[in-house]
């Protein structure tokens, strides 16, 4: 039987290319992770949106 590991939200945001999608795993408050899958065009759009907030002109 596999060891049971507690689900925690601790840890960094992870982003990985999985097949044809890009999967982003974000630690969630209360434990677990929010998983968002997107294609390359959606990832580029997200990048631009975040840059606009993080680095305003």
PDB file of N, CA and C in Angstrom:
ATOM      1  N   UNK A   1       0.845  -1.177   0.000  1.00  0.00           N
ATOM      2  CA  UNK A   1       0.000   0.000   0.000  1.00  0.00           C
ATOM      3  C   UNK A   1       0.891   1.241   0.000  1.00  0.00           C
ATOM      4  N   UNK A   2       0.500   2.226  -0.736  1.00  0.00           N
ATOM      5  CA  UNK A   2       1.280   3.463  -0.827  1.00  0.00           C
ATOM      6  C   UNK A   2       1.162   4.253   0.466  1.00  0.00           C
ATOM      7  N   UNK A   3       2.218   4.969   0.774  1.00  0.00           N
ATOM      8  CA  UNK A   3       2.214   5.816   1.970  1.00  0.00           C
ATOM      9  C   UNK A   3       1.256   6.988   1.757  1.00  0.00           C
ATOM     10  N   UNK A   4       0.493   7.290   2.770  1.00  0.00           N
ATOM     11  CA  UNK A   4      -0.434   8.415   2.688  1.00  0.00           C
ATOM     12  C   UNK A   4       0.319   9.685   3.059  1.00  0.00           C
ATOM     13  N   UNK A   5       0.269  10.666   2.201  1.00  0.00           N
ATOM     14  CA  UNK A   5       0.931  11.934   2.459  1.00  0.00           C
ATOM     15  C   UNK A   5      -0.138  13.003   2.657  1.00  0.00           C
ATOM     16  N   UNK A   6       0.064  13.873   3.631  1.00  0.00           N
ATOM     17  CA  UNK A   6      -0.927  14.929   3.814  1.00  0.00           C
ATOM     18  C   UNK A   6      -0.900  15.898   2.639  1.00  0.00           C
ATOM     19  N   UNK A   7      -2.063  16.376   2.249  1.00  0.00           N
ATOM     20  CA  UNK A   7      -2.142  17.371   1.185  1.00  0.00           C
ATOM     21  C   UNK A   7      -1.976  18.741   1.808  1.00  0.00           C
ATOM     22  N   UNK A   8      -0.927  19.422   1.404  1.00  0.00           N
ATOM     23  CA  UNK A   8      -0.723  20.769   1.932  1.00  0.00           C
ATOM     24  C   UNK A   8      -0.635  21.731   0.760  1.00  0.00           C
ATOM     25  N   UNK A   9      -0.922  22.979   1.031  1.00  0.00           N
ATOM     26  CA  UNK A   9      -0.803  24.014   0.025  1.00  0.00           C
ATOM     27  C   UNK A   9       0.574  24.635   0.023  1.00  0.00           C
ATOM     28  N   UNK A  10       1.448  24.128   0.894  1.00  0.00           N
ATOM     29  CA  UNK A  10       2.798  24.681   0.973  1.00  0.00           C
ATOM     30  C   UNK A  10       3.596  24.334  -0.270  1.00  0.00           C
ATOM     31  N   UNK A  11       4.483  25.222  -0.617  1.00  0.00           N
ATOM     32  CA  UNK A  11       5.360  24.962  -1.746  1.00  0.00           C
ATOM     33  C   UNK A  11       5.196  25.998  -2.827  1.00  0.00           C
ATOM     34  N   UNK A  12       6.053  25.934  -3.817  1.00  0.00           N
ATOM     35  CA  UNK A  12       6.034  26.934  -4.887  1.00  0.00           C
ATOM     36  C   UNK A  12       4.963  26.646  -5.933  1.00  0.00           C
ATOM     37  N   UNK A  13       4.692  27.638  -6.738  1.00  0.00           N
ATOM     38  CA  UNK A  13       3.849  27.437  -7.917  1.00  0.00           C
ATOM     39  C   UNK A  13       4.664  26.602  -8.893  1.00  0.00           C
ATOM     40  N   UNK A  14       4.054  25.601  -9.479  1.00  0.00           N
ATOM     41  CA  UNK A  14       4.734  24.744 -10.450  1.00  0.00           C
ATOM     42  C   UNK A  14       4.079  24.903 -11.814  1.00  0.00           C
ATOM     43  N   UNK A  15       4.902  24.966 -12.849  1.00  0.00           N
ATOM     44  CA  UNK A  15       4.398  25.030 -14.221  1.00  0.00           C
ATOM     45  C   UNK A  15       5.175  23.997 -15.034  1.00  0.00           C
ATOM     46  N   UNK A  16       4.454  23.168 -15.789  1.00  0.00           N
ATOM     47  CA  UNK A  16       5.105  22.129 -16.582  1.00  0.00           C
ATOM     48  C   UNK A  16       4.342  21.905 -17.879  1.00  0.00           C
ATOM     49  N   UNK A  17       5.089  21.576 -18.927  1.00  0.00           N
ATOM     50  CA  UNK A  17       4.474  21.207 -20.202  1.00  0.00           C
ATOM     51  C   UNK A  17       4.141  19.725 -20.117  1.00  0.00           C
ATOM     52  N   UNK A  18       2.881  19.401 -20.310  1.00  0.00           N
ATOM     53  CA  UNK A  18       2.421  18.016 -20.238  1.00  0.00           C
ATOM     54  C   UNK A  18       1.679  17.688 -21.523  1.00  0.00           C
ATOM     55  N   UNK A  19       2.369  17.048 -22.427  1.00  0.00           N
ATOM     56  CA  UNK A  19       1.757  16.751 -23.723  1.00  0.00           C
ATOM     57  C   UNK A  19       1.526  18.033 -24.495  1.00  0.00           C
ATOM     58  N   UNK A  20       0.270  18.287 -24.854  1.00  0.00           N
ATOM     59  CA  UNK A  20      -0.055  19.491 -25.631  1.00  0.00           C
ATOM     60  C   UNK A  20      -0.500  20.659 -24.767  1.00  0.00           C
ATOM     61  N   UNK A  21      -0.555  20.471 -23.454  1.00  0.00           N
ATOM     62  CA  UNK A  21      -1.014  21.547 -22.573  1.00  0.00           C
ATOM     63  C   UNK A  21       0.089  21.982 -21.615  1.00  0.00           C
ATOM     64  N   UNK A  22      -0.092  23.155 -21.051  1.00  0.00           N
ATOM     65  CA  UNK A  22       0.777  23.665 -20.000  1.00  0.00           C
ATOM     66  C   UNK A  22      -0.049  23.586 -18.724  1.00  0.00           C
ATOM     67  N   UNK A  23       0.469  22.907 -17.709  1.00  0.00           N
ATOM     68  CA  UNK A  23      -0.250  22.747 -16.444  1.00  0.00           C
ATOM     69  C   UNK A  23       0.406  23.624 -15.387  1.00  0.00           C
ATOM     70  N   UNK A  24      -0.401  24.444 -14.729  1.00  0.00           N
ATOM     71  CA  UNK A  24       0.081  25.308 -13.654  1.00  0.00           C
ATOM     72  C   UNK A  24      -0.592  24.845 -12.371  1.00  0.00           C
ATOM     73  N   UNK A  25       0.214  24.563 -11.347  1.00  0.00           N
ATOM     74  CA  UNK A  25      -0.301  24.112 -10.058  1.00  0.00           C
ATOM     75  C   UNK A  25      -0.012  25.193  -9.019  1.00  0.00           C
ATOM     76  N   UNK A  26      -1.066  25.718  -8.424  1.00  0.00           N
ATOM     77  CA  UNK A  26      -0.960  26.810  -7.468  1.00  0.00           C
ATOM     78  C   UNK A  26      -1.390  26.301  -6.103  1.00  0.00           C
ATOM     79  N   UNK A  27      -0.542  26.465  -5.066  1.00  0.00           N
ATOM     80  CA  UNK A  27      -0.946  26.037  -3.728  1.00  0.00           C
ATOM     81  C   UNK A  27      -2.220  26.769  -3.301  1.00  0.00           C
ATOM     82  N   UNK A  28      -3.160  26.041  -2.725  1.00  0.00           N
ATOM     83  CA  UNK A  28      -4.434  26.621  -2.297  1.00  0.00           C
ATOM     84  C   UNK A  28      -4.485  26.713  -0.778  1.00  0.00           C
ATOM     85  N   UNK A  29      -5.131  27.748  -0.296  1.00  0.00           N
ATOM     86  CA  UNK A  29      -5.296  27.908   1.137  1.00  0.00           C
ATOM     87  C   UNK A  29      -6.168  26.768   1.644  1.00  0.00           C
ATOM     88  N   UNK A  30      -5.777  26.176   2.741  1.00  0.00           N
ATOM     89  CA  UNK A  30      -6.537  25.064   3.289  1.00  0.00           C
ATOM     90  C   UNK A  30      -6.054  23.709   2.792  1.00  0.00           C
ATOM     91  N   UNK A  31      -5.033  23.703   1.946  1.00  0.00           N
ATOM     92  CA  UNK A  31      -4.456  22.453   1.461  1.00  0.00           C
ATOM     93  C   UNK A  31      -4.802  22.166   0.021  1.00  0.00           C
ATOM     94  N   UNK A  32      -4.034  21.329  -0.588  1.00  0.00           N
ATOM     95  CA  UNK A  32      -4.238  20.966  -1.980  1.00  0.00           C
ATOM     96  C   UNK A  32      -3.656  21.989  -2.939  1.00  0.00           C
ATOM     97  N   UNK A  33      -3.938  21.792  -4.195  1.00  0.00           N
ATOM     98  CA  UNK A  33      -3.432  22.676  -5.243  1.00  0.00           C
ATOM     99  C   UNK A  33      -4.522  22.921  -6.268  1.00  0.00           C
ATOM    100  N   UNK A  34      -4.548  24.141  -6.773  1.00  0.00           N
ATOM    101  CA  UNK A  34      -5.429  24.490  -7.868  1.00  0.00           C
ATOM    102  C   UNK A  34      -4.653  24.187  -9.147  1.00  0.00           C
ATOM    103  N   UNK A  35      -5.201  23.356 -10.024  1.00  0.00           N
ATOM    104  CA  UNK A  35      -4.521  22.992 -11.267  1.00  0.00           C
ATOM    105  C   UNK A  35      -5.251  23.650 -12.425  1.00  0.00           C
ATOM    106  N   UNK A  36      -4.494  24.404 -13.228  1.00  0.00           N
ATOM    107  CA  UNK A  36      -5.046  25.080 -14.399  1.00  0.00           C
ATOM    108  C   UNK A  36      -4.281  24.582 -15.617  1.00  0.00           C
ATOM    109  N   UNK A  37      -5.009  24.095 -16.611  1.00  0.00           N
ATOM    110  CA  UNK A  37      -4.388  23.661 -17.859  1.00  0.00           C
ATOM    111  C   UNK A  37      -4.721  24.674 -18.935  1.00  0.00           C
ATOM    112  N   UNK A  38      -3.722  25.010 -19.761  1.00  0.00           N
ATOM    113  CA  UNK A  38      -3.914  25.987 -20.832  1.00  0.00           C
ATOM    114  C   UNK A  38      -3.029  25.633 -22.011  1.00  0.00           C
ATOM    115  N   UNK A  39      -3.378  26.211 -23.172  1.00  0.00           N
ATOM    116  CA  UNK A  39      -2.520  26.017 -24.342  1.00  0.00           C
ATOM    117  C   UNK A  39      -1.512  27.166 -24.400  1.00  0.00           C
ATOM    118  N   UNK A  40      -0.614  27.141 -25.367  1.00  0.00           N
ATOM    119  CA  UNK A  40       0.442  28.140 -25.453  1.00  0.00           C
ATOM    120  C   UNK A  40      -0.110  29.553 -25.655  1.00  0.00           C
ATOM    121  N   UNK A  41      -1.166  29.699 -26.438  1.00  0.00           N
ATOM    122  CA  UNK A  41      -1.747  31.023 -26.672  1.00  0.00           C
ATOM    123  C   UNK A  41      -2.350  31.580 -25.384  1.00  0.00           C
ATOM    124  N   UNK A  42      -3.011  30.739 -24.615  1.00  0.00           N
ATOM    125  CA  UNK A  42      -3.583  31.180 -23.346  1.00  0.00           C
ATOM    126  C   UNK A  42      -2.485  31.539 -22.348  1.00  0.00           C
ATOM    127  N   UNK A  43      -1.389  30.786 -22.348  1.00  0.00           N
ATOM    128  CA  UNK A  43      -0.266  31.082 -21.459  1.00  0.00           C
ATOM    129  C   UNK A  43       0.358  32.430 -21.814  1.00  0.00           C
ATOM    130  N   UNK A  44       0.490  32.729 -23.103  1.00  0.00           N
ATOM    131  CA  UNK A  44       1.042  34.017 -23.530  1.00  0.00           C
ATOM    132  C   UNK A  44       0.113  35.156 -23.109  1.00  0.00           C
ATOM    133  N   UNK A  45      -1.190  34.954 -23.222  1.00  0.00           N
ATOM    134  CA  UNK A  45      -2.165  35.965 -22.804  1.00  0.00           C
ATOM    135  C   UNK A  45      -2.087  36.195 -21.286  1.00  0.00           C
ATOM    136  N   UNK A  46      -1.936  35.114 -20.522  1.00  0.00           N
ATOM    137  CA  UNK A  46      -1.789  35.224 -19.072  1.00  0.00           C
ATOM    138  C   UNK A  46      -0.520  35.982 -18.719  1.00  0.00           C
ATOM    139  N   UNK A  47       0.558  35.693 -19.426  1.00  0.00           N
ATOM    140  CA  UNK A  47       1.838  36.379 -19.193  1.00  0.00           C
ATOM    141  C   UNK A  47       1.686  37.881 -19.394  1.00  0.00           C
ATOM    142  N   UNK A  48       1.043  38.283 -20.477  1.00  0.00           N
ATOM    143  CA  UNK A  48       0.840  39.711 -20.753  1.00  0.00           C
ATOM    144  C   UNK A  48      -0.028  40.360 -19.679  1.00  0.00           C
ATOM    145  N   UNK A  49      -1.075  39.668 -19.249  1.00  0.00           N
ATOM    146  CA  UNK A  49      -1.965  40.209 -18.220  1.00  0.00           C
ATOM    147  C   UNK A  49      -1.221  40.388 -16.896  1.00  0.00           C
ATOM    148  N   UNK A  50      -0.407  39.398 -16.532  1.00  0.00           N
ATOM    149  CA  UNK A  50       0.364  39.507 -15.286  1.00  0.00           C
ATOM    150  C   UNK A  50       1.424  40.598 -15.373  1.00  0.00           C
ATOM    151  N   UNK A  51       2.083  40.719 -16.529  1.00  0.00           N
ATOM    152  CA  UNK A  51       3.085  41.771 -16.698  1.00  0.00           C
ATOM    153  C   UNK A  51       2.459  43.151 -16.537  1.00  0.00           C
ATOM    154  N   UNK A  52       1.228  43.314 -16.999  1.00  0.00           N
ATOM    155  CA  UNK A  52       0.538  44.593 -16.877  1.00  0.00           C
ATOM    156  C   UNK A  52       0.257  44.965 -15.432  1.00  0.00           C
ATOM    157  N   UNK A  53       0.086  43.962 -14.572  1.00  0.00           N
ATOM    158  CA  UNK A  53      -0.187  44.219 -13.152  1.00  0.00           C
ATOM    159  C   UNK A  53       1.099  44.341 -12.353  1.00  0.00           C
ATOM    160  N   UNK A  54       2.053  43.471 -12.638  1.00  0.00           N
ATOM    161  CA  UNK A  54       3.300  43.451 -11.890  1.00  0.00           C
ATOM    162  C   UNK A  54       4.229  44.606 -12.295  1.00  0.00           C
ATOM    163  N   UNK A  55       4.268  44.906 -13.574  1.00  0.00           N
ATOM    164  CA  UNK A  55       5.138  45.959 -14.106  1.00  0.00           C
ATOM    165  C   UNK A  55       4.307  47.006 -14.833  1.00  0.00           C
ATOM    166  N   UNK A  56       3.493  47.796 -14.108  1.00  0.00           N
ATOM    167  CA  UNK A  56       2.662  48.779 -14.801  1.00  0.00           C
ATOM    168  C   UNK A  56       3.526  49.837 -15.489  1.00  0.00           C
ATOM    169  N   UNK A  57       3.042  50.326 -16.611  1.00  0.00           N
ATOM    170  CA  UNK A  57       3.801  51.298 -17.387  1.00  0.00           C
ATOM    171  C   UNK A  57       3.768  52.672 -16.764  1.00  0.00           C
TER     172      UNK A  57
END
